[in-house]
Each structure stands twice: as structure tokens, then as C-alpha cells.
PDB file of N, CA and C in Angstrom:
ATOM      1  N   MET A   1     -13.832  31.050 -23.440  1.00  0.00           N
ATOM      2  CA  MET A   1     -13.611  32.413 -23.008  1.00  0.00           C
ATOM      3  C   MET A   1     -12.968  32.450 -21.624  1.00  0.00           C
ATOM      4  N   ALA A   2     -13.394  31.557 -20.714  1.00  0.00           N
ATOM      5  CA  ALA A   2     -12.827  31.523 -19.367  1.00  0.00           C
ATOM      6  C   ALA A   2     -11.340  31.168 -19.415  1.00  0.00           C
ATOM      7  N   LEU A   3     -10.958  30.270 -20.322  1.00  0.00           N
ATOM      8  CA  LEU A   3      -9.554  29.893 -20.461  1.00  0.00           C
ATOM      9  C   LEU A   3      -8.729  31.086 -20.934  1.00  0.00           C
ATOM     10  N   LEU A   4      -9.259  31.849 -21.846  1.00  0.00           N
ATOM     11  CA  LEU A   4      -8.576  33.037 -22.338  1.00  0.00           C
ATOM     12  C   LEU A   4      -8.400  34.051 -21.208  1.00  0.00           C
ATOM     13  N   ALA A   5      -9.428  34.281 -20.418  1.00  0.00           N
ATOM     14  CA  ALA A   5      -9.354  35.222 -19.295  1.00  0.00           C
ATOM     15  C   ALA A   5      -8.333  34.756 -18.270  1.00  0.00           C
ATOM     16  N   THR A   6      -8.282  33.464 -17.999  1.00  0.00           N
ATOM     17  CA  THR A   6      -7.299  32.924 -17.053  1.00  0.00           C
ATOM     18  C   THR A   6      -5.894  33.139 -17.576  1.00  0.00           C
ATOM     19  N   GLY A   7      -5.680  32.919 -18.857  1.00  0.00           N
ATOM     20  CA  GLY A   7      -4.365  33.136 -19.461  1.00  0.00           C
ATOM     21  C   GLY A   7      -3.931  34.585 -19.356  1.00  0.00           C
ATOM     22  N   LEU A   8      -4.852  35.506 -19.552  1.00  0.00           N
ATOM     23  CA  LEU A   8      -4.526  36.921 -19.437  1.00  0.00           C
ATOM     24  C   LEU A   8      -4.180  37.287 -17.998  1.00  0.00           C
ATOM     25  N   THR A   9      -4.887  36.716 -17.039  1.00  0.00           N
ATOM     26  CA  THR A   9      -4.608  36.987 -15.630  1.00  0.00           C
ATOM     27  C   THR A   9      -3.215  36.500 -15.257  1.00  0.00           C
ATOM     28  N   VAL A  10      -2.844  35.303 -15.702  1.00  0.00           N
ATOM     29  CA  VAL A  10      -1.512  34.768 -15.430  1.00  0.00           C
ATOM     30  C   VAL A  10      -0.450  35.644 -16.081  1.00  0.00           C
ATOM     31  N   ALA A  11      -0.665  36.070 -17.307  1.00  0.00           N
ATOM     32  CA  ALA A  11       0.298  36.921 -17.998  1.00  0.00           C
ATOM     33  C   ALA A  11       0.448  38.261 -17.285  1.00  0.00           C
ATOM     34  N   ALA A  12      -0.654  38.841 -16.822  1.00  0.00           N
ATOM     35  CA  ALA A  12      -0.583  40.112 -16.112  1.00  0.00           C
ATOM     36  C   ALA A  12       0.168  39.949 -14.802  1.00  0.00           C
ATOM     37  N   ARG A  13      -0.085  38.856 -14.099  1.00  0.00           N
ATOM     38  CA  ARG A  13       0.596  38.607 -12.837  1.00  0.00           C
ATOM     39  C   ARG A  13       2.089  38.402 -13.052  1.00  0.00           C
ATOM     40  N   ALA A  14       2.474  37.787 -14.155  1.00  0.00           N
ATOM     41  CA  ALA A  14       3.884  37.533 -14.442  1.00  0.00           C
ATOM     42  C   ALA A  14       4.645  38.838 -14.664  1.00  0.00           C
ATOM     43  N   GLN A  15       3.972  39.901 -15.039  1.00  0.00           N
ATOM     44  CA  GLN A  15       4.621  41.174 -15.299  1.00  0.00           C
ATOM     45  C   GLN A  15       4.452  42.179 -14.162  1.00  0.00           C
ATOM     46  N   ALA A  16       4.108  41.718 -12.968  1.00  0.00           N
ATOM     47  CA  ALA A  16       3.970  42.617 -11.821  1.00  0.00           C
ATOM     48  C   ALA A  16       5.329  42.819 -11.158  1.00  0.00           C
ATOM     49  N   LEU A  17       5.566  44.020 -10.693  1.00  0.00           N
ATOM     50  CA  LEU A  17       6.801  44.330  -9.980  1.00  0.00           C
ATOM     51  C   LEU A  17       6.786  43.597  -8.635  1.00  0.00           C
ATOM     52  N   PRO A  18       7.841  42.862  -8.299  1.00  0.00           N
ATOM     53  CA  PRO A  18       7.873  42.136  -7.026  1.00  0.00           C
ATOM     54  C   PRO A  18       7.995  43.104  -5.847  1.00  0.00           C
ATOM     55  N   ASP A  19       7.834  42.592  -4.632  1.00  0.00           N
ATOM     56  CA  ASP A  19       7.908  43.416  -3.418  1.00  0.00           C
ATOM     57  C   ASP A  19       9.309  43.953  -3.154  1.00  0.00           C
ATOM     58  N   SER A  20      10.322  43.267  -3.689  1.00  0.00           N
ATOM     59  CA  SER A  20      11.701  43.711  -3.514  1.00  0.00           C
ATOM     60  C   SER A  20      12.544  43.200  -4.678  1.00  0.00           C
ATOM     61  N   VAL A  21      13.708  43.805  -4.841  1.00  0.00           N
ATOM     62  CA  VAL A  21      14.662  43.348  -5.852  1.00  0.00           C
ATOM     63  C   VAL A  21      16.006  43.123  -5.172  1.00  0.00           C
ATOM     64  N   GLU A  22      16.786  42.228  -5.739  1.00  0.00           N
ATOM     65  CA  GLU A  22      18.108  41.944  -5.204  1.00  0.00           C
ATOM     66  C   GLU A  22      19.146  42.748  -5.970  1.00  0.00           C
ATOM     67  N   ILE A  23      20.051  43.359  -5.233  1.00  0.00           N
ATOM     68  CA  ILE A  23      21.169  44.088  -5.813  1.00  0.00           C
ATOM     69  C   ILE A  23      22.415  43.251  -5.587  1.00  0.00           C
ATOM     70  N   GLN A  24      23.171  42.961  -6.642  1.00  0.00           N
ATOM     71  CA  GLN A  24      24.414  42.194  -6.529  1.00  0.00           C
ATOM     72  C   GLN A  24      25.560  43.084  -6.995  1.00  0.00           C
ATOM     73  N   ASN A  25      26.487  43.365  -6.084  1.00  0.00           N
ATOM     74  CA  ASN A  25      27.617  44.224  -6.433  1.00  0.00           C
ATOM     75  C   ASN A  25      28.763  43.381  -6.968  1.00  0.00           C
ATOM     76  N   ARG A  26      28.919  43.376  -8.283  1.00  0.00           N
ATOM     77  CA  ARG A  26      30.017  42.662  -8.948  1.00  0.00           C
ATOM     78  C   ARG A  26      31.114  43.647  -9.379  1.00  0.00           C
ATOM     79  N   ARG A  27      31.011  44.872  -8.890  1.00  0.00           N
ATOM     80  CA  ARG A  27      32.000  45.908  -9.210  1.00  0.00           C
ATOM     81  C   ARG A  27      33.209  45.755  -8.287  1.00  0.00           C
ATOM     82  N   SER A  28      34.269  46.464  -8.599  1.00  0.00           N
ATOM     83  CA  SER A  28      35.502  46.362  -7.807  1.00  0.00           C
ATOM     84  C   SER A  28      35.484  47.240  -6.566  1.00  0.00           C
ATOM     85  N   GLY A  29      34.544  48.165  -6.491  1.00  0.00           N
ATOM     86  CA  GLY A  29      34.498  49.078  -5.350  1.00  0.00           C
ATOM     87  C   GLY A  29      33.186  49.007  -4.601  1.00  0.00           C
ATOM     88  N   THR A  30      33.187  49.578  -3.415  1.00  0.00           N
ATOM     89  CA  THR A  30      31.980  49.647  -2.587  1.00  0.00           C
ATOM     90  C   THR A  30      31.000  50.646  -3.185  1.00  0.00           C
ATOM     91  N   VAL A  31      29.761  50.227  -3.373  1.00  0.00           N
ATOM     92  CA  VAL A  31      28.711  51.107  -3.887  1.00  0.00           C
ATOM     93  C   VAL A  31      28.036  51.760  -2.692  1.00  0.00           C
ATOM     94  N   GLU A  32      28.063  53.100  -2.669  1.00  0.00           N
ATOM     95  CA  GLU A  32      27.461  53.809  -1.547  1.00  0.00           C
ATOM     96  C   GLU A  32      26.187  54.562  -1.934  1.00  0.00           C
ATOM     97  N   ASP A  33      25.898  54.635  -3.221  1.00  0.00           N
ATOM     98  CA  ASP A  33      24.708  55.354  -3.679  1.00  0.00           C
ATOM     99  C   ASP A  33      24.083  54.575  -4.825  1.00  0.00           C
ATOM    100  N   LEU A  34      22.817  54.215  -4.687  1.00  0.00           N
ATOM    101  CA  LEU A  34      22.086  53.497  -5.730  1.00  0.00           C
ATOM    102  C   LEU A  34      20.716  54.144  -5.857  1.00  0.00           C
ATOM    103  N   ARG A  35      20.383  54.548  -7.067  1.00  0.00           N
ATOM    104  CA  ARG A  35      19.101  55.212  -7.327  1.00  0.00           C
ATOM    105  C   ARG A  35      18.366  54.493  -8.445  1.00  0.00           C
ATOM    106  N   LEU A  36      17.065  54.331  -8.263  1.00  0.00           N
ATOM    107  CA  LEU A  36      16.192  53.683  -9.248  1.00  0.00           C
ATOM    108  C   LEU A  36      15.189  54.702  -9.767  1.00  0.00           C
ATOM    109  N   SER A  37      14.911  54.620 -11.047  1.00  0.00           N
ATOM    110  CA  SER A  37      13.937  55.510 -11.646  1.00  0.00           C
ATOM    111  C   SER A  37      13.188  54.768 -12.743  1.00  0.00           C
ATOM    112  N   PRO A  38      11.858  54.938 -12.826  1.00  0.00           N
ATOM    113  CA  PRO A  38      11.160  54.383 -13.990  1.00  0.00           C
ATOM    114  C   PRO A  38      11.822  54.916 -15.255  1.00  0.00           C
ATOM    115  N   ASP A  39      11.900  54.099 -16.284  1.00  0.00           N
ATOM    116  CA  ASP A  39      12.692  54.458 -17.460  1.00  0.00           C
ATOM    117  C   ASP A  39      12.208  55.698 -18.201  1.00  0.00           C
ATOM    118  N   PHE A  40      11.049  56.232 -17.868  1.00  0.00           N
ATOM    119  CA  PHE A  40      10.565  57.438 -18.534  1.00  0.00           C
ATOM    120  C   PHE A  40      10.707  58.684 -17.655  1.00  0.00           C
ATOM    121  N   GLU A  41      11.211  58.552 -16.452  1.00  0.00           N
ATOM    122  CA  GLU A  41      11.350  59.675 -15.518  1.00  0.00           C
ATOM    123  C   GLU A  41      12.632  60.460 -15.779  1.00  0.00           C
ATOM    124  N   SER A  42      12.626  61.732 -15.428  1.00  0.00           N
ATOM    125  CA  SER A  42      13.824  62.557 -15.576  1.00  0.00           C
ATOM    126  C   SER A  42      14.586  62.690 -14.258  1.00  0.00           C
ATOM    127  N   SER A  43      14.006  62.233 -13.160  1.00  0.00           N
ATOM    128  CA  SER A  43      14.633  62.335 -11.845  1.00  0.00           C
ATOM    129  C   SER A  43      15.064  60.947 -11.358  1.00  0.00           C
ATOM    130  N   TRP A  44      16.192  60.880 -10.639  1.00  0.00           N
ATOM    131  CA  TRP A  44      16.709  59.601 -10.165  1.00  0.00           C
ATOM    132  C   TRP A  44      16.110  59.152  -8.842  1.00  0.00           C
ATOM    133  N   GLY A  45      15.483  59.998  -8.093  1.00  0.00           N
ATOM    134  CA  GLY A  45      14.954  59.583  -6.803  1.00  0.00           C
ATOM    135  C   GLY A  45      16.035  59.586  -5.728  1.00  0.00           C
ATOM    136  N   TYR A  46      15.771  58.886  -4.630  1.00  0.00           N
ATOM    137  CA  TYR A  46      16.665  58.941  -3.471  1.00  0.00           C
ATOM    138  C   TYR A  46      17.648  57.768  -3.445  1.00  0.00           C
ATOM    139  N   ASN A  47      18.669  57.889  -2.619  1.00  0.00           N
ATOM    140  CA  ASN A  47      19.672  56.845  -2.453  1.00  0.00           C
ATOM    141  C   ASN A  47      19.077  55.686  -1.655  1.00  0.00           C
ATOM    142  N   ARG A  48      18.991  54.524  -2.259  1.00  0.00           N
ATOM    143  CA  ARG A  48      18.395  53.362  -1.605  1.00  0.00           C
ATOM    144  C   ARG A  48      19.392  52.585  -0.751  1.00  0.00           C
ATOM    145  N   LEU A  49      20.636  53.031  -0.718  1.00  0.00           N
ATOM    146  CA  LEU A  49      21.645  52.392   0.131  1.00  0.00           C
ATOM    147  C   LEU A  49      22.099  53.343   1.241  1.00  0.00           C
ATOM    148  N   ARG A  50      21.281  54.280   1.629  1.00  0.00           N
ATOM    149  CA  ARG A  50      21.650  55.309   2.603  1.00  0.00           C
ATOM    150  C   ARG A  50      22.343  54.754   3.838  1.00  0.00           C
ATOM    151  N   ALA A  51      21.785  53.719   4.415  1.00  0.00           N
ATOM    152  CA  ALA A  51      22.284  53.219   5.699  1.00  0.00           C
ATOM    153  C   ALA A  51      23.382  52.170   5.571  1.00  0.00           C
ATOM    154  N   ALA A  52      23.481  51.517   4.432  1.00  0.00           N
ATOM    155  CA  ALA A  52      24.401  50.384   4.334  1.00  0.00           C
ATOM    156  C   ALA A  52      25.028  50.289   2.943  1.00  0.00           C
ATOM    157  N   PRO A  53      26.240  50.821   2.772  1.00  0.00           N
ATOM    158  CA  PRO A  53      26.934  50.659   1.489  1.00  0.00           C
ATOM    159  C   PRO A  53      27.109  49.176   1.144  1.00  0.00           C
ATOM    160  N   LEU A  54      27.255  48.896  -0.132  1.00  0.00           N
ATOM    161  CA  LEU A  54      27.332  47.524  -0.619  1.00  0.00           C
ATOM    162  C   LEU A  54      28.757  47.216  -1.082  1.00  0.00           C
ATOM    163  N   ALA A  55      29.447  46.380  -0.315  1.00  0.00           N
ATOM    164  CA  ALA A  55      30.841  46.020  -0.597  1.00  0.00           C
ATOM    165  C   ALA A  55      30.928  45.142  -1.845  1.00  0.00           C
ATOM    166  N   PRO A  56      32.104  45.088  -2.489  1.00  0.00           N
ATOM    167  CA  PRO A  56      32.282  44.202  -3.645  1.00  0.00           C
ATOM    168  C   PRO A  56      31.941  42.757  -3.271  1.00  0.00           C
ATOM    169  N   GLY A  57      31.175  42.099  -4.124  1.00  0.00           N
ATOM    170  CA  GLY A  57      30.769  40.717  -3.884  1.00  0.00           C
ATOM    171  C   GLY A  57      29.548  40.560  -3.003  1.00  0.00           C
ATOM    172  N   ALA A  58      29.083  41.639  -2.399  1.00  0.00           N
ATOM    173  CA  ALA A  58      27.927  41.568  -1.493  1.00  0.00           C
ATOM    174  C   ALA A  58      26.621  41.745  -2.274  1.00  0.00           C
ATOM    175  N   SER A  59      25.528  41.344  -1.646  1.00  0.00           N
ATOM    176  CA  SER A  59      24.210  41.569  -2.224  1.00  0.00           C
ATOM    177  C   SER A  59      23.268  42.054  -1.131  1.00  0.00           C
ATOM    178  N   ALA A  60      22.180  42.664  -1.549  1.00  0.00           N
ATOM    179  CA  ALA A  60      21.175  43.175  -0.619  1.00  0.00           C
ATOM    180  C   ALA A  60      19.831  43.197  -1.323  1.00  0.00           C
ATOM    181  N   ARG A  61      18.781  43.184  -0.544  1.00  0.00           N
ATOM    182  CA  ARG A  61      17.427  43.319  -1.096  1.00  0.00           C
ATOM    183  C   ARG A  61      16.919  44.706  -0.754  1.00  0.00           C
ATOM    184  N   ILE A  62      16.280  45.329  -1.727  1.00  0.00           N
ATOM    185  CA  ILE A  62      15.673  46.623  -1.461  1.00  0.00           C
ATOM    186  C   ILE A  62      14.189  46.547  -1.802  1.00  0.00           C
ATOM    187  N   PRO A  63      13.346  47.177  -0.982  1.00  0.00           N
ATOM    188  CA  PRO A  63      11.908  47.144  -1.230  1.00  0.00           C
ATOM    189  C   PRO A  63      11.534  47.978  -2.454  1.00  0.00           C
ATOM    190  N   THR A  64      10.428  47.616  -3.068  1.00  0.00           N
ATOM    191  CA  THR A  64       9.971  48.325  -4.268  1.00  0.00           C
ATOM    192  C   THR A  64       8.583  48.927  -4.098  1.00  0.00           C
ATOM    193  N   GLU A  65       8.030  48.889  -2.887  1.00  0.00           N
ATOM    194  CA  GLU A  65       6.636  49.320  -2.727  1.00  0.00           C
ATOM    195  C   GLU A  65       6.401  50.779  -3.116  1.00  0.00           C
ATOM    196  N   ASP A  66       7.418  51.617  -3.095  1.00  0.00           N
ATOM    197  CA  ASP A  66       7.237  53.017  -3.456  1.00  0.00           C
ATOM    198  C   ASP A  66       7.516  53.295  -4.939  1.00  0.00           C
ATOM    199  N   LEU A  67       7.881  52.274  -5.694  1.00  0.00           N
ATOM    200  CA  LEU A  67       8.163  52.466  -7.122  1.00  0.00           C
ATOM    201  C   LEU A  67       6.892  52.352  -7.941  1.00  0.00           C
ATOM    202  N   ARG A  68       6.761  53.238  -8.915  1.00  0.00           N
ATOM    203  CA  ARG A  68       5.643  53.197  -9.849  1.00  0.00           C
ATOM    204  C   ARG A  68       6.213  53.262 -11.251  1.00  0.00           C
ATOM    205  N   GLY A  69       5.412  52.931 -12.209  1.00  0.00           N
ATOM    206  CA  GLY A  69       5.850  53.129 -13.577  1.00  0.00           C
ATOM    207  C   GLY A  69       6.036  51.856 -14.371  1.00  0.00           C
ATOM    208  N   GLY A  70       5.569  50.729 -13.865  1.00  0.00           N
ATOM    209  CA  GLY A  70       5.655  49.508 -14.643  1.00  0.00           C
ATOM    210  C   GLY A  70       6.814  48.631 -14.257  1.00  0.00           C
ATOM    211  N   CYS A  71       7.448  48.032 -15.258  1.00  0.00           N
ATOM    212  CA  CYS A  71       8.483  47.031 -15.034  1.00  0.00           C
ATOM    213  C   CYS A  71       9.886  47.512 -15.361  1.00  0.00           C
ATOM    214  N   TYR A  72      10.010  48.517 -16.195  1.00  0.00           N
ATOM    215  CA  TYR A  72      11.332  48.924 -16.683  1.00  0.00           C
ATOM    216  C   TYR A  72      11.885  50.101 -15.883  1.00  0.00           C
ATOM    217  N   PHE A  73      13.121  49.920 -15.407  1.00  0.00           N
ATOM    218  CA  PHE A  73      13.755  50.928 -14.560  1.00  0.00           C
ATOM    219  C   PHE A  73      15.187  51.175 -15.001  1.00  0.00           C
ATOM    220  N   ASP A  74      15.633  52.403 -14.753  1.00  0.00           N
ATOM    221  CA  ASP A  74      17.030  52.777 -14.942  1.00  0.00           C
ATOM    222  C   ASP A  74      17.668  52.821 -13.560  1.00  0.00           C
ATOM    223  N   VAL A  75      18.952  52.517 -13.496  1.00  0.00           N
ATOM    224  CA  VAL A  75      19.676  52.471 -12.228  1.00  0.00           C
ATOM    225  C   VAL A  75      20.943  53.305 -12.367  1.00  0.00           C
ATOM    226  N   LYS A  76      21.217  54.098 -11.358  1.00  0.00           N
ATOM    227  CA  LYS A  76      22.456  54.884 -11.313  1.00  0.00           C
ATOM    228  C   LYS A  76      23.164  54.544 -10.006  1.00  0.00           C
ATOM    229  N   VAL A  77      24.458  54.230 -10.096  1.00  0.00           N
ATOM    230  CA  VAL A  77      25.235  53.907  -8.900  1.00  0.00           C
ATOM    231  C   VAL A  77      26.488  54.777  -8.839  1.00  0.00           C
ATOM    232  N   ARG A  78      26.933  55.012  -7.595  1.00  0.00           N
ATOM    233  CA  ARG A  78      28.196  55.702  -7.368  1.00  0.00           C
ATOM    234  C   ARG A  78      28.967  54.931  -6.306  1.00  0.00           C
ATOM    235  N   GLN A  79      30.207  54.657  -6.631  1.00  0.00           N
ATOM    236  CA  GLN A  79      31.081  53.958  -5.693  1.00  0.00           C
ATOM    237  C   GLN A  79      31.675  54.952  -4.702  1.00  0.00           C
ATOM    238  N   LYS A  80      32.228  54.409  -3.640  1.00  0.00           N
ATOM    239  CA  LYS A  80      32.879  55.227  -2.613  1.00  0.00           C
ATOM    240  C   LYS A  80      34.020  56.061  -3.203  1.00  0.00           C
ATOM    241  N   ASP A  81      34.716  55.526  -4.223  1.00  0.00           N
ATOM    242  CA  ASP A  81      35.828  56.248  -4.851  1.00  0.00           C
ATOM    243  C   ASP A  81      35.370  57.275  -5.887  1.00  0.00           C
ATOM    244  N   GLY A  82      34.055  57.434  -6.065  1.00  0.00           N
ATOM    245  CA  GLY A  82      33.502  58.419  -6.988  1.00  0.00           C
ATOM    246  C   GLY A  82      33.141  57.885  -8.362  1.00  0.00           C
ATOM    247  N   ALA A  83      33.551  56.669  -8.704  1.00  0.00           N
ATOM    248  CA  ALA A  83      33.202  56.078 -10.003  1.00  0.00           C
ATOM    249  C   ALA A  83      31.681  55.900 -10.086  1.00  0.00           C
ATOM    250  N   GLU A  84      31.124  56.193 -11.252  1.00  0.00           N
ATOM    251  CA  GLU A  84      29.682  56.082 -11.461  1.00  0.00           C
ATOM    252  C   GLU A  84      29.371  55.181 -12.648  1.00  0.00           C
ATOM    253  N   ALA A  85      28.169  54.614 -12.629  1.00  0.00           N
ATOM    254  CA  ALA A  85      27.685  53.803 -13.754  1.00  0.00           C
ATOM    255  C   ALA A  85      26.172  53.933 -13.820  1.00  0.00           C
ATOM    256  N   GLU A  86      25.635  53.772 -15.017  1.00  0.00           N
ATOM    257  CA  GLU A  86      24.194  53.779 -15.227  1.00  0.00           C
ATOM    258  C   GLU A  86      23.804  52.528 -16.000  1.00  0.00           C
ATOM    259  N   TYR A  87      22.674  51.982 -15.636  1.00  0.00           N
ATOM    260  CA  TYR A  87      22.125  50.788 -16.284  1.00  0.00           C
ATOM    261  C   TYR A  87      20.716  51.160 -16.736  1.00  0.00           C
ATOM    262  N   TRP A  88      20.400  50.887 -17.999  1.00  0.00           N
ATOM    263  CA  TRP A  88      19.172  51.396 -18.602  1.00  0.00           C
ATOM    264  C   TRP A  88      18.177  50.289 -18.916  1.00  0.00           C
ATOM    265  N   SER A  89      16.902  50.599 -18.732  1.00  0.00           N
ATOM    266  CA  SER A  89      15.762  49.760 -19.147  1.00  0.00           C
ATOM    267  C   SER A  89      15.851  48.325 -18.637  1.00  0.00           C
ATOM    268  N   LEU A  90      16.089  48.167 -17.339  1.00  0.00           N
ATOM    269  CA  LEU A  90      16.105  46.831 -16.733  1.00  0.00           C
ATOM    270  C   LEU A  90      14.677  46.407 -16.431  1.00  0.00           C
ATOM    271  N   ASN A  91      14.291  45.226 -16.881  1.00  0.00           N
ATOM    272  CA  ASN A  91      12.955  44.700 -16.609  1.00  0.00           C
ATOM    273  C   ASN A  91      12.978  43.984 -15.254  1.00  0.00           C
ATOM    274  N   LEU A  92      12.546  44.678 -14.223  1.00  0.00           N
ATOM    275  CA  LEU A  92      12.574  44.125 -12.868  1.00  0.00           C
ATOM    276  C   LEU A  92      11.377  43.224 -12.582  1.00  0.00           C
ATOM    277  N   CYS A  93      10.418  43.157 -13.485  1.00  0.00           N
ATOM    278  CA  CYS A  93       9.306  42.216 -13.327  1.00  0.00           C
ATOM    279  C   CYS A  93       9.731  40.819 -13.748  1.00  0.00           C
ATOM    280  N   SER A  94      10.421  40.716 -14.873  1.00  0.00           N
ATOM    281  CA  SER A  94      10.825  39.398 -15.369  1.00  0.00           C
ATOM    282  C   SER A  94      12.089  38.890 -14.685  1.00  0.00           C
ATOM    283  N   ARG A  95      12.940  39.807 -14.220  1.00  0.00           N
ATOM    284  CA  ARG A  95      14.176  39.414 -13.520  1.00  0.00           C
ATOM    285  C   ARG A  95      14.447  40.419 -12.414  1.00  0.00           C
ATOM    286  N   PRO A  96      13.975  40.145 -11.198  1.00  0.00           N
ATOM    287  CA  PRO A  96      14.110  41.104 -10.088  1.00  0.00           C
ATOM    288  C   PRO A  96      15.497  41.098  -9.437  1.00  0.00           C
ATOM    289  N   VAL A  97      16.529  41.120 -10.269  1.00  0.00           N
ATOM    290  CA  VAL A  97      17.917  41.147  -9.804  1.00  0.00           C
ATOM    291  C   VAL A  97      18.638  42.230 -10.600  1.00  0.00           C
ATOM    292  N   ILE A  98      19.398  43.061  -9.901  1.00  0.00           N
ATOM    293  CA  ILE A  98      20.214  44.079 -10.567  1.00  0.00           C
ATOM    294  C   ILE A  98      21.662  43.702 -10.353  1.00  0.00           C
ATOM    295  N   ASP A  99      22.325  43.295 -11.436  1.00  0.00           N
ATOM    296  CA  ASP A  99      23.749  42.943 -11.399  1.00  0.00           C
ATOM    297  C   ASP A  99      24.552  44.205 -11.695  1.00  0.00           C
ATOM    298  N   LEU A 100      25.289  44.671 -10.713  1.00  0.00           N
ATOM    299  CA  LEU A 100      26.139  45.844 -10.912  1.00  0.00           C
ATOM    300  C   LEU A 100      27.497  45.345 -11.362  1.00  0.00           C
ATOM    301  N   GLU A 101      27.814  45.571 -12.616  1.00  0.00           N
ATOM    302  CA  GLU A 101      29.101  45.100 -13.178  1.00  0.00           C
ATOM    303  C   GLU A 101      29.916  46.244 -13.688  1.00  0.00           C
TER     304      GLU A 101
END
């Protein structure tokens, strides 16, 4: 029974949202607005790149301490030129990296 409980604890820990996630801008333009939302929410939340736009090829870490809702998140980005993209149901617990392509 103790082995089973230990296995469950490890599995639960493996699915915890990390303290931060890495954003990698693989797009052709500078991303000036990035919003994260739990995949069941209807609101996008605030711009997490307010102070520092993300140039093509650049990466940044953003904190996740204010995020709730589990592991799956939707992401909405807007480039400086107005182009937008959305990324759906990203599991940030198993892979805490958001590739903007």
C-alpha cells in the first residue's frame, strides 16, 4: 500500500504547474501581447509581456503563480504588426514551454 501511495504522490507532482514557463518566439514578428487562460475560461486575462515585447528568435520566462485551473492553457498572442494567433489546450505541466510559431 505504501508503494502505491508513493507512486500516486510522484504522479501528482509530475502534473503540477511549474513556477514559470518559457516563451519562445519562432514567429517572424515581434510579439507585444501574450495572454494565458485556463482552457475552460472565457476571458484571456492580462498581457504578460507588458514591459518587454518578445523579438523574433527571443525567449523569456513568465511566472505562473497567479494561474489557476490545472495544467491545460490557451494562449493568445498579437504581434506588433497586428497579426494574431491562438494556441489551444497546451499542457504546461508536462512541457512548460510555449513555442510561438
